[in-house]
């Protein structure tokens, strides 16, 4: 399972995300061609492992994902971070830590970096082998 695509699909259609970020949601890093003069979201996989064992087989995977929100207004950064936390909680992911809350003078952007841990809801049960 590509967890970053799963997270992307959860947040991309939200009205607040569409209004403030549009399609500027990236995996791992912002490409050189990307419009970094506007707000963006950056998704990174931090850790994954097997979970939910039965009969010596695992039936789910647990992930830790980092979500960075970068905007030019602190209020927008806070609103987006809280909205993403709510959306991910609905899908079985819970905030585990706050990695960064900072204003960068060079880029004039406010950045909030949060990590979420969880097992994706409704992705594994009643299925066969995962790998």
C-alpha atoms as a PDB file:
ATOM      1  CA  UNK A   1       0.000   0.000   0.000  1.00  0.00           C
ATOM      2  CA  UNK A   2       1.267   3.459  -0.831  1.00  0.00           C
ATOM      3  CA  UNK A   3       0.381   5.294   2.354  1.00  0.00           C
ATOM      4  CA  UNK A   4       1.234   8.724   0.969  1.00  0.00           C
ATOM      5  CA  UNK A   5      -1.287   8.308  -1.850  1.00  0.00           C
ATOM      6  CA  UNK A   6      -3.826   7.153   0.739  1.00  0.00           C
ATOM      7  CA  UNK A   7      -3.230  10.310   2.853  1.00  0.00           C
ATOM      8  CA  UNK A   8      -3.273  12.482  -0.276  1.00  0.00           C
ATOM      9  CA  UNK A   9      -6.668  11.066  -1.260  1.00  0.00           C
ATOM     10  CA  UNK A  10      -8.022  11.844   2.220  1.00  0.00           C
ATOM     11  CA  UNK A  11      -7.026  15.513   2.259  1.00  0.00           C
ATOM     12  CA  UNK A  12      -7.092  16.640  -1.403  1.00  0.00           C
ATOM     13  CA  UNK A  13     -10.869  17.080  -1.705  1.00  0.00           C
ATOM     14  CA  UNK A  14     -11.407  18.971   1.541  1.00  0.00           C
ATOM     15  CA  UNK A  15     -12.795  22.480   0.940  1.00  0.00           C
ATOM     16  CA  UNK A  16     -10.257  24.247   3.175  1.00  0.00           C
ATOM     17  CA  UNK A  17      -7.334  22.380   1.609  1.00  0.00           C
ATOM     18  CA  UNK A  18      -8.609  23.166  -1.890  1.00  0.00           C
ATOM     19  CA  UNK A  19      -9.056  26.844  -1.034  1.00  0.00           C
ATOM     20  CA  UNK A  20      -5.645  27.388   0.567  1.00  0.00           C
ATOM     21  CA  UNK A  21      -3.415  24.813  -1.133  1.00  0.00           C
ATOM     22  CA  UNK A  22      -5.185  23.703  -4.314  1.00  0.00           C
ATOM     23  CA  UNK A  23      -3.087  20.947  -5.936  1.00  0.00           C
ATOM     24  CA  UNK A  24       0.193  21.832  -4.190  1.00  0.00           C
ATOM     25  CA  UNK A  25       0.467  18.624  -2.151  1.00  0.00           C
ATOM     26  CA  UNK A  26       3.848  16.934  -2.587  1.00  0.00           C
ATOM     27  CA  UNK A  27       5.544  13.697  -1.539  1.00  0.00           C
ATOM     28  CA  UNK A  28       8.957  13.887   0.220  1.00  0.00           C
ATOM     29  CA  UNK A  29      10.146  17.144  -1.390  1.00  0.00           C
ATOM     30  CA  UNK A  30       8.954  20.049  -3.458  1.00  0.00           C
ATOM     31  CA  UNK A  31      10.061  19.707  -7.069  1.00  0.00           C
ATOM     32  CA  UNK A  32      12.078  22.480  -8.683  1.00  0.00           C
ATOM     33  CA  UNK A  33       9.239  23.187 -11.119  1.00  0.00           C
ATOM     34  CA  UNK A  34       6.693  23.544  -8.326  1.00  0.00           C
ATOM     35  CA  UNK A  35       5.111  26.856  -7.409  1.00  0.00           C
ATOM     36  CA  UNK A  36       6.644  27.379  -3.967  1.00  0.00           C
ATOM     37  CA  UNK A  37       5.511  31.001  -3.811  1.00  0.00           C
ATOM     38  CA  UNK A  38       2.155  29.791  -2.478  1.00  0.00           C
ATOM     39  CA  UNK A  39       0.983  27.587   0.376  1.00  0.00           C
ATOM     40  CA  UNK A  40       1.740  23.873   0.190  1.00  0.00           C
ATOM     41  CA  UNK A  41       1.573  20.548   2.008  1.00  0.00           C
ATOM     42  CA  UNK A  42       4.456  18.077   2.088  1.00  0.00           C
ATOM     43  CA  UNK A  43       3.883  14.380   2.964  1.00  0.00           C
ATOM     44  CA  UNK A  44       6.648  12.018   4.115  1.00  0.00           C
ATOM     45  CA  UNK A  45       6.670   8.422   5.259  1.00  0.00           C
ATOM     46  CA  UNK A  46       8.670   8.133   8.481  1.00  0.00           C
ATOM     47  CA  UNK A  47       8.137   4.485   9.452  1.00  0.00           C
ATOM     48  CA  UNK A  48       6.047   1.430   8.627  1.00  0.00           C
ATOM     49  CA  UNK A  49       5.718  -2.009  10.158  1.00  0.00           C
ATOM     50  CA  UNK A  50       3.399  -4.995  10.209  1.00  0.00           C
ATOM     51  CA  UNK A  51       0.489  -5.195  12.666  1.00  0.00           C
ATOM     52  CA  UNK A  52      -2.627  -7.179  13.603  1.00  0.00           C
ATOM     53  CA  UNK A  53      -1.334 -10.747  13.601  1.00  0.00           C
ATOM     54  CA  UNK A  54      -3.393 -13.933  13.422  1.00  0.00           C
ATOM     55  CA  UNK A  55      -2.194 -17.455  12.594  1.00  0.00           C
ATOM     56  CA  UNK A  56       1.377 -16.209  12.141  1.00  0.00           C
ATOM     57  CA  UNK A  57       0.301 -13.770   9.420  1.00  0.00           C
ATOM     58  CA  UNK A  58      -0.080 -10.034   9.613  1.00  0.00           C
ATOM     59  CA  UNK A  59      -3.332  -8.512   8.478  1.00  0.00           C
ATOM     60  CA  UNK A  60      -2.504  -4.802   8.596  1.00  0.00           C
ATOM     61  CA  UNK A  61       0.314  -2.310   8.476  1.00  0.00           C
ATOM     62  CA  UNK A  62       0.993   0.543  10.902  1.00  0.00           C
ATOM     63  CA  UNK A  63       2.474   3.781   9.565  1.00  0.00           C
ATOM     64  CA  UNK A  64       3.998   6.986  10.888  1.00  0.00           C
ATOM     65  CA  UNK A  65       3.610   9.851   8.418  1.00  0.00           C
ATOM     66  CA  UNK A  66       4.894  13.416   8.667  1.00  0.00           C
ATOM     67  CA  UNK A  67       2.724  16.228   7.305  1.00  0.00           C
ATOM     68  CA  UNK A  68       4.315  19.659   6.795  1.00  0.00           C
ATOM     69  CA  UNK A  69       2.082  22.672   6.179  1.00  0.00           C
ATOM     70  CA  UNK A  70       3.709  25.827   4.775  1.00  0.00           C
ATOM     71  CA  UNK A  71       1.791  29.096   4.327  1.00  0.00           C
ATOM     72  CA  UNK A  72       2.377  32.851   4.373  1.00  0.00           C
ATOM     73  CA  UNK A  73      -0.179  33.450   7.132  1.00  0.00           C
ATOM     74  CA  UNK A  74       0.182  31.862  10.551  1.00  0.00           C
ATOM     75  CA  UNK A  75      -3.595  31.608  10.911  1.00  0.00           C
ATOM     76  CA  UNK A  76      -3.824  29.615   7.658  1.00  0.00           C
ATOM     77  CA  UNK A  77      -1.076  27.277   8.847  1.00  0.00           C
ATOM     78  CA  UNK A  78      -2.913  26.629  12.101  1.00  0.00           C
ATOM     79  CA  UNK A  79      -6.287  26.123  10.383  1.00  0.00           C
ATOM     80  CA  UNK A  80      -4.840  23.709   7.812  1.00  0.00           C
ATOM     81  CA  UNK A  81      -2.922  21.719  10.446  1.00  0.00           C
ATOM     82  CA  UNK A  82      -6.018  21.318  12.598  1.00  0.00           C
ATOM     83  CA  UNK A  83      -8.169  20.349   9.614  1.00  0.00           C
ATOM     84  CA  UNK A  84      -5.655  17.720   8.490  1.00  0.00           C
ATOM     85  CA  UNK A  85      -5.511  16.343  12.047  1.00  0.00           C
ATOM     86  CA  UNK A  86      -9.320  16.006  12.017  1.00  0.00           C
ATOM     87  CA  UNK A  87      -9.400  14.340   8.571  1.00  0.00           C
ATOM     88  CA  UNK A  88      -6.674  11.854   9.476  1.00  0.00           C
ATOM     89  CA  UNK A  89      -8.313  11.025  12.818  1.00  0.00           C
ATOM     90  CA  UNK A  90     -11.455  10.016  10.901  1.00  0.00           C
ATOM     91  CA  UNK A  91      -9.310   7.472   9.039  1.00  0.00           C
ATOM     92  CA  UNK A  92      -7.508   5.935  12.028  1.00  0.00           C
ATOM     93  CA  UNK A  93      -4.458   8.213  12.303  1.00  0.00           C
ATOM     94  CA  UNK A  94      -3.622  10.107  15.485  1.00  0.00           C
ATOM     95  CA  UNK A  95      -1.114  12.890  16.033  1.00  0.00           C
ATOM     96  CA  UNK A  96       1.925  11.555  17.860  1.00  0.00           C
ATOM     97  CA  UNK A  97       4.187  14.596  17.906  1.00  0.00           C
ATOM     98  CA  UNK A  98       4.807  18.135  16.779  1.00  0.00           C
ATOM     99  CA  UNK A  99       8.113  18.253  14.979  1.00  0.00           C
ATOM    100  CA  UNK A 100       8.233  21.935  14.144  1.00  0.00           C
ATOM    101  CA  UNK A 101       6.288  25.171  14.522  1.00  0.00           C
ATOM    102  CA  UNK A 102       8.388  27.921  13.029  1.00  0.00           C
ATOM    103  CA  UNK A 103       8.509  31.102  10.955  1.00  0.00           C
ATOM    104  CA  UNK A 104      11.304  31.200   8.363  1.00  0.00           C
ATOM    105  CA  UNK A 105      12.499  34.710   7.486  1.00  0.00           C
ATOM    106  CA  UNK A 106      14.240  33.553   4.283  1.00  0.00           C
ATOM    107  CA  UNK A 107      11.040  32.237   2.716  1.00  0.00           C
ATOM    108  CA  UNK A 108       8.622  34.320   4.809  1.00  0.00           C
ATOM    109  CA  UNK A 109       6.632  31.146   5.480  1.00  0.00           C
ATOM    110  CA  UNK A 110       5.073  29.704   8.592  1.00  0.00           C
ATOM    111  CA  UNK A 111       5.683  25.967   8.874  1.00  0.00           C
ATOM    112  CA  UNK A 112       3.979  23.397  11.082  1.00  0.00           C
ATOM    113  CA  UNK A 113       5.244  19.847  10.948  1.00  0.00           C
ATOM    114  CA  UNK A 114       3.214  17.083  12.613  1.00  0.00           C
ATOM    115  CA  UNK A 115       3.557  13.302  12.777  1.00  0.00           C
ATOM    116  CA  UNK A 116       0.611  10.932  12.668  1.00  0.00           C
ATOM    117  CA  UNK A 117       0.522   7.233  13.499  1.00  0.00           C
ATOM    118  CA  UNK A 118      -2.104   4.684  12.626  1.00  0.00           C
ATOM    119  CA  UNK A 119      -3.462   1.742  10.723  1.00  0.00           C
ATOM    120  CA  UNK A 120      -5.563   2.831   7.726  1.00  0.00           C
ATOM    121  CA  UNK A 121      -9.253   2.171   8.345  1.00  0.00           C
ATOM    122  CA  UNK A 122     -11.092  -0.306   6.127  1.00  0.00           C
ATOM    123  CA  UNK A 123      -8.038  -1.214   4.072  1.00  0.00           C
ATOM    124  CA  UNK A 124      -7.115  -4.656   5.330  1.00  0.00           C
ATOM    125  CA  UNK A 125      -9.943  -6.576   6.890  1.00  0.00           C
ATOM    126  CA  UNK A 126     -11.691  -9.348   4.966  1.00  0.00           C
ATOM    127  CA  UNK A 127      -8.857  -9.324   2.511  1.00  0.00           C
ATOM    128  CA  UNK A 128      -6.305 -11.911   1.743  1.00  0.00           C
ATOM    129  CA  UNK A 129      -2.575 -11.666   1.883  1.00  0.00           C
ATOM    130  CA  UNK A 130      -1.241  -8.100   2.050  1.00  0.00           C
ATOM    131  CA  UNK A 131       2.127  -8.381   0.353  1.00  0.00           C
END
